[in-house]
Amino acid sequence: MYFYNVVSTIPFDKVSNKILKQVSMAATIAEESDFDSSKRLGASLEYKGYYFYGSNSHRNRVGKIDCISLHAEVNVLTKALKKFEKNANLKSKTKLPPSTMYVVRLMRKKENLPSYRSYFFGISKPCADCQKKLYNFNVTRIFYTDIKDGREVICEMKINKRNSKDIS
């Protein structure tokens, strides 16, 4: 089941300054990820006029489960919930104000890039589970890096109107 539809694909040279700034911040955060070079993701969430950032990371133990990872999108969503919604957690049904997520995957370092970045971006479309969590917490737009026809682009996703009822 898809919770979002891709509504636009924007080449990097046509991306607005606001989107470019958040993509750059997410990329800076992705550099802190403890994953291998092609698996480093960073995310930025614009929520209630604030920005939250996070990267994917390994978690040694959560409860009785060993060796799991925390996706960048969930990491950022959790930070926002802790800050503003005291009783909300990833399993709650709290409807939050509309927000926007930016997701970036860093690949290898690349020569001859614009001054605002030093990495080649890869495909960072949120997985179905992350889309479900973002949908349930009213993230209405998602921007993510992708590669189309050999060029780096930013894709924009919006909520799929056919899935307008809450998904548990």
C-alpha atoms as a PDB file:
ATOM      1  CA  MET A   1       0.000   0.000   0.000  1.00  0.00           C
ATOM      2  CA  TYR A   2       1.317   3.424  -0.899  1.00  0.00           C
ATOM      3  CA  PHE A   3       0.640   6.365   1.385  1.00  0.00           C
ATOM      4  CA  TYR A   4       2.200   9.031  -0.835  1.00  0.00           C
ATOM      5  CA  ASN A   5       2.394   9.793  -4.545  1.00  0.00           C
ATOM      6  CA  VAL A   6       5.399  11.360  -6.236  1.00  0.00           C
ATOM      7  CA  VAL A   7       4.084  14.655  -7.609  1.00  0.00           C
ATOM      8  CA  SER A   8       7.256  16.261  -8.964  1.00  0.00           C
ATOM      9  CA  THR A   9      10.880  15.607  -9.810  1.00  0.00           C
ATOM     10  CA  ILE A  10      13.135  18.663  -9.609  1.00  0.00           C
ATOM     11  CA  PRO A  11      16.700  18.862 -10.995  1.00  0.00           C
ATOM     12  CA  PHE A  12      19.163  20.255  -8.442  1.00  0.00           C
ATOM     13  CA  ASP A  13      19.765  23.423 -10.454  1.00  0.00           C
ATOM     14  CA  LYS A  14      16.023  24.269 -10.205  1.00  0.00           C
ATOM     15  CA  VAL A  15      15.498  23.502  -6.490  1.00  0.00           C
ATOM     16  CA  SER A  16      14.342  26.418  -4.322  1.00  0.00           C
ATOM     17  CA  ASN A  17      16.737  27.843  -1.731  1.00  0.00           C
ATOM     18  CA  LYS A  18      14.498  26.656   1.130  1.00  0.00           C
ATOM     19  CA  ILE A  19      14.526  23.036  -0.071  1.00  0.00           C
ATOM     20  CA  LEU A  20      18.234  23.211  -0.874  1.00  0.00           C
ATOM     21  CA  LYS A  21      19.005  24.492   2.628  1.00  0.00           C
ATOM     22  CA  GLN A  22      17.111  21.613   4.298  1.00  0.00           C
ATOM     23  CA  VAL A  23      18.653  19.031   1.958  1.00  0.00           C
ATOM     24  CA  SER A  24      22.100  20.441   2.801  1.00  0.00           C
ATOM     25  CA  MET A  25      21.373  20.285   6.541  1.00  0.00           C
ATOM     26  CA  ALA A  26      20.111  16.704   6.238  1.00  0.00           C
ATOM     27  CA  ALA A  27      23.297  15.845   4.314  1.00  0.00           C
ATOM     28  CA  THR A  28      25.443  17.363   7.073  1.00  0.00           C
ATOM     29  CA  ILE A  29      23.598  15.237   9.637  1.00  0.00           C
ATOM     30  CA  ALA A  30      23.927  12.127   7.443  1.00  0.00           C
ATOM     31  CA  GLU A  31      27.706  12.464   7.696  1.00  0.00           C
ATOM     32  CA  GLU A  32      27.312  11.617  11.411  1.00  0.00           C
ATOM     33  CA  SER A  33      25.638   8.275  10.665  1.00  0.00           C
ATOM     34  CA  ASP A  34      27.499   5.203  11.852  1.00  0.00           C
ATOM     35  CA  PHE A  35      26.503   3.247   8.733  1.00  0.00           C
ATOM     36  CA  ASP A  36      28.778   2.335   5.813  1.00  0.00           C
ATOM     37  CA  SER A  37      29.390   4.997   3.184  1.00  0.00           C
ATOM     38  CA  SER A  38      26.491   4.197   0.820  1.00  0.00           C
ATOM     39  CA  LYS A  39      23.958   3.651   3.600  1.00  0.00           C
ATOM     40  CA  ARG A  40      24.185   6.993   5.388  1.00  0.00           C
ATOM     41  CA  LEU A  41      20.863   8.815   5.486  1.00  0.00           C
ATOM     42  CA  GLY A  42      19.922  12.094   7.069  1.00  0.00           C
ATOM     43  CA  ALA A  43      16.514  13.656   7.546  1.00  0.00           C
ATOM     44  CA  SER A  44      15.070  17.019   8.428  1.00  0.00           C
ATOM     45  CA  LEU A  45      11.534  17.634   9.691  1.00  0.00           C
ATOM     46  CA  GLU A  46       9.905  21.041   9.495  1.00  0.00           C
ATOM     47  CA  TYR A  47       7.393  20.985  12.342  1.00  0.00           C
ATOM     48  CA  LYS A  48       5.567  23.882  14.035  1.00  0.00           C
ATOM     49  CA  GLY A  49       8.113  26.362  12.661  1.00  0.00           C
ATOM     50  CA  TYR A  50      11.055  24.370  14.048  1.00  0.00           C
ATOM     51  CA  TYR A  51      13.480  22.036  12.326  1.00  0.00           C
ATOM     52  CA  PHE A  52      14.589  18.682  13.702  1.00  0.00           C
ATOM     53  CA  TYR A  53      17.446  16.632  12.272  1.00  0.00           C
ATOM     54  CA  GLY A  54      18.609  13.059  12.582  1.00  0.00           C
ATOM     55  CA  SER A  55      20.469  10.277  10.832  1.00  0.00           C
ATOM     56  CA  ASN A  56      20.047   6.546  10.596  1.00  0.00           C
ATOM     57  CA  SER A  57      21.974   4.667  13.233  1.00  0.00           C
ATOM     58  CA  HIS A  58      22.634   1.254  14.686  1.00  0.00           C
ATOM     59  CA  ARG A  59      21.013   0.430  17.974  1.00  0.00           C
ATOM     60  CA  ASN A  60      22.621  -2.401  19.867  1.00  0.00           C
ATOM     61  CA  ARG A  61      19.593  -3.354  21.902  1.00  0.00           C
ATOM     62  CA  VAL A  62      15.984  -2.262  22.228  1.00  0.00           C
ATOM     63  CA  GLY A  63      14.059  -4.389  24.684  1.00  0.00           C
ATOM     64  CA  LYS A  64      14.979  -7.983  23.871  1.00  0.00           C
ATOM     65  CA  ILE A  65      15.981  -7.344  20.242  1.00  0.00           C
ATOM     66  CA  ASP A  66      19.637  -7.131  19.204  1.00  0.00           C
ATOM     67  CA  CYS A  67      21.257  -5.485  16.160  1.00  0.00           C
ATOM     68  CA  ILE A  68      18.491  -3.317  14.778  1.00  0.00           C
ATOM     69  CA  SER A  69      18.697   0.049  13.088  1.00  0.00           C
ATOM     70  CA  LEU A  70      16.831   3.290  13.497  1.00  0.00           C
ATOM     71  CA  HIS A  71      15.766   4.907  10.231  1.00  0.00           C
ATOM     72  CA  ALA A  72      16.558   8.606   9.870  1.00  0.00           C
ATOM     73  CA  GLU A  73      12.891   9.508   9.316  1.00  0.00           C
ATOM     74  CA  VAL A  74      11.788   7.781  12.534  1.00  0.00           C
ATOM     75  CA  ASN A  75      14.731   9.278  14.447  1.00  0.00           C
ATOM     76  CA  VAL A  76      13.633  12.809  13.501  1.00  0.00           C
ATOM     77  CA  LEU A  77       9.934  12.139  14.091  1.00  0.00           C
ATOM     78  CA  THR A  78      10.730  10.810  17.572  1.00  0.00           C
ATOM     79  CA  LYS A  79      12.736  13.953  18.404  1.00  0.00           C
ATOM     80  CA  ALA A  80       9.842  16.209  17.371  1.00  0.00           C
ATOM     81  CA  LEU A  81       7.328  14.175  19.360  1.00  0.00           C
ATOM     82  CA  LYS A  82       9.500  14.286  22.485  1.00  0.00           C
ATOM     83  CA  LYS A  83       9.831  18.055  22.196  1.00  0.00           C
ATOM     84  CA  PHE A  84       6.210  19.025  21.520  1.00  0.00           C
ATOM     85  CA  GLU A  85       3.841  16.161  22.173  1.00  0.00           C
ATOM     86  CA  LYS A  86       4.477  14.885  25.691  1.00  0.00           C
ATOM     87  CA  ASN A  87       2.008  11.979  25.518  1.00  0.00           C
ATOM     88  CA  ALA A  88       2.551  11.050  21.860  1.00  0.00           C
ATOM     89  CA  ASN A  89       4.702   8.172  20.720  1.00  0.00           C
ATOM     90  CA  LEU A  90       5.061   6.264  17.456  1.00  0.00           C
ATOM     91  CA  LYS A  91       2.041   4.096  18.312  1.00  0.00           C
ATOM     92  CA  SER A  92      -0.310   6.909  19.341  1.00  0.00           C
ATOM     93  CA  LYS A  93      -3.139   8.197  17.142  1.00  0.00           C
ATOM     94  CA  THR A  94      -2.381  11.868  17.812  1.00  0.00           C
ATOM     95  CA  LYS A  95      -3.011  14.034  14.733  1.00  0.00           C
ATOM     96  CA  LEU A  96      -0.278  16.625  14.504  1.00  0.00           C
ATOM     97  CA  PRO A  97      -0.162  19.849  12.485  1.00  0.00           C
ATOM     98  CA  PRO A  98       0.936  19.354   8.848  1.00  0.00           C
ATOM     99  CA  SER A  99       4.698  19.102   8.447  1.00  0.00           C
ATOM    100  CA  THR A 100       7.349  18.472   5.787  1.00  0.00           C
ATOM    101  CA  MET A 101      10.169  15.892   5.760  1.00  0.00           C
ATOM    102  CA  TYR A 102      13.444  16.067   3.780  1.00  0.00           C
ATOM    103  CA  VAL A 103      15.475  12.849   3.326  1.00  0.00           C
ATOM    104  CA  VAL A 104      18.984  12.487   1.871  1.00  0.00           C
ATOM    105  CA  ARG A 105      21.255   9.511   1.138  1.00  0.00           C
ATOM    106  CA  LEU A 106      24.976  10.209   0.915  1.00  0.00           C
ATOM    107  CA  MET A 107      26.982   8.101  -1.458  1.00  0.00           C
ATOM    108  CA  ARG A 108      30.690   8.482  -2.150  1.00  0.00           C
ATOM    109  CA  LYS A 109      32.579  11.783  -2.225  1.00  0.00           C
ATOM    110  CA  LYS A 110      32.622  13.325  -5.662  1.00  0.00           C
ATOM    111  CA  GLU A 111      34.887  15.852  -7.350  1.00  0.00           C
ATOM    112  CA  ASN A 112      33.676  19.018  -9.075  1.00  0.00           C
ATOM    113  CA  LEU A 113      30.488  19.472  -7.062  1.00  0.00           C
ATOM    114  CA  PRO A 114      28.935  22.830  -6.180  1.00  0.00           C
ATOM    115  CA  SER A 115      30.414  24.481  -3.086  1.00  0.00           C
ATOM    116  CA  TYR A 116      27.371  23.711  -0.926  1.00  0.00           C
ATOM    117  CA  ARG A 117      27.973  19.926  -0.943  1.00  0.00           C
ATOM    118  CA  SER A 118      30.747  17.362  -1.151  1.00  0.00           C
ATOM    119  CA  TYR A 119      28.845  14.104  -1.721  1.00  0.00           C
ATOM    120  CA  PHE A 120      26.989  12.406  -4.516  1.00  0.00           C
ATOM    121  CA  PHE A 121      23.361  11.852  -3.468  1.00  0.00           C
ATOM    122  CA  GLY A 122      21.611   8.488  -3.816  1.00  0.00           C
ATOM    123  CA  ILE A 123      18.059   7.178  -3.693  1.00  0.00           C
ATOM    124  CA  SER A 124      16.494   7.945  -0.315  1.00  0.00           C
ATOM    125  CA  LYS A 125      12.772   7.321  -0.829  1.00  0.00           C
ATOM    126  CA  PRO A 126      11.279   6.394   2.555  1.00  0.00           C
ATOM    127  CA  CYS A 127      10.371   2.727   2.976  1.00  0.00           C
ATOM    128  CA  ALA A 128       6.713   1.686   3.332  1.00  0.00           C
ATOM    129  CA  ASP A 129       6.991   1.443   7.133  1.00  0.00           C
ATOM    130  CA  CYS A 130       8.450   4.956   7.433  1.00  0.00           C
ATOM    131  CA  GLN A 131       5.802   6.296   5.043  1.00  0.00           C
ATOM    132  CA  LYS A 132       3.122   4.776   7.259  1.00  0.00           C
ATOM    133  CA  LYS A 133       4.561   6.418  10.384  1.00  0.00           C
ATOM    134  CA  LEU A 134       4.950   9.781   8.637  1.00  0.00           C
ATOM    135  CA  TYR A 135       1.419   9.540   7.252  1.00  0.00           C
ATOM    136  CA  ASN A 136      -0.043   8.754  10.682  1.00  0.00           C
ATOM    137  CA  PHE A 137       1.633  11.874  12.124  1.00  0.00           C
ATOM    138  CA  ASN A 138       0.443  14.184   9.339  1.00  0.00           C
ATOM    139  CA  VAL A 139       3.680  14.688   7.419  1.00  0.00           C
ATOM    140  CA  THR A 140       1.982  16.004   4.285  1.00  0.00           C
ATOM    141  CA  ARG A 141       5.035  16.462   2.056  1.00  0.00           C
ATOM    142  CA  ILE A 142       8.270  14.508   1.694  1.00  0.00           C
ATOM    143  CA  PHE A 143      11.254  15.634  -0.347  1.00  0.00           C
ATOM    144  CA  TYR A 144      13.929  13.005  -1.022  1.00  0.00           C
ATOM    145  CA  THR A 145      17.021  12.623  -3.175  1.00  0.00           C
ATOM    146  CA  ASP A 146      16.907  10.283  -6.159  1.00  0.00           C
ATOM    147  CA  ILE A 147      18.664   9.494  -9.423  1.00  0.00           C
ATOM    148  CA  LYS A 148      16.662   9.776 -12.652  1.00  0.00           C
ATOM    149  CA  ASP A 149      18.281   9.206 -16.043  1.00  0.00           C
ATOM    150  CA  GLY A 150      21.714   9.358 -14.407  1.00  0.00           C
ATOM    151  CA  ARG A 151      21.074  12.788 -12.823  1.00  0.00           C
ATOM    152  CA  GLU A 152      20.594  13.692  -9.186  1.00  0.00           C
ATOM    153  CA  VAL A 153      17.142  15.094  -8.499  1.00  0.00           C
ATOM    154  CA  ILE A 154      14.835  15.954  -5.620  1.00  0.00           C
ATOM    155  CA  CYS A 155      11.470  14.189  -5.678  1.00  0.00           C
ATOM    156  CA  GLU A 156       8.422  15.536  -3.894  1.00  0.00           C
ATOM    157  CA  MET A 157       5.771  13.240  -2.489  1.00  0.00           C
ATOM    158  CA  LYS A 158       2.354  14.229  -1.181  1.00  0.00           C
ATOM    159  CA  ILE A 159      -0.332  12.238   0.605  1.00  0.00           C
ATOM    160  CA  ASN A 160      -2.205   9.815  -1.626  1.00  0.00           C
ATOM    161  CA  LYS A 161      -5.830  11.022  -1.416  1.00  0.00           C
ATOM    162  CA  ARG A 162      -7.163   7.469  -1.894  1.00  0.00           C
ATOM    163  CA  ASN A 163      -5.752   6.625   1.553  1.00  0.00           C
ATOM    164  CA  SER A 164      -7.455   9.519   3.332  1.00  0.00           C
ATOM    165  CA  LYS A 165      -8.645   7.433   6.301  1.00  0.00           C
ATOM    166  CA  ASP A 166      -6.284   6.799   9.210  1.00  0.00           C
ATOM    167  CA  ILE A 167      -4.046   3.779   8.852  1.00  0.00           C
ATOM    168  CA  SER A 168      -3.120   1.821  11.944  1.00  0.00           C
END
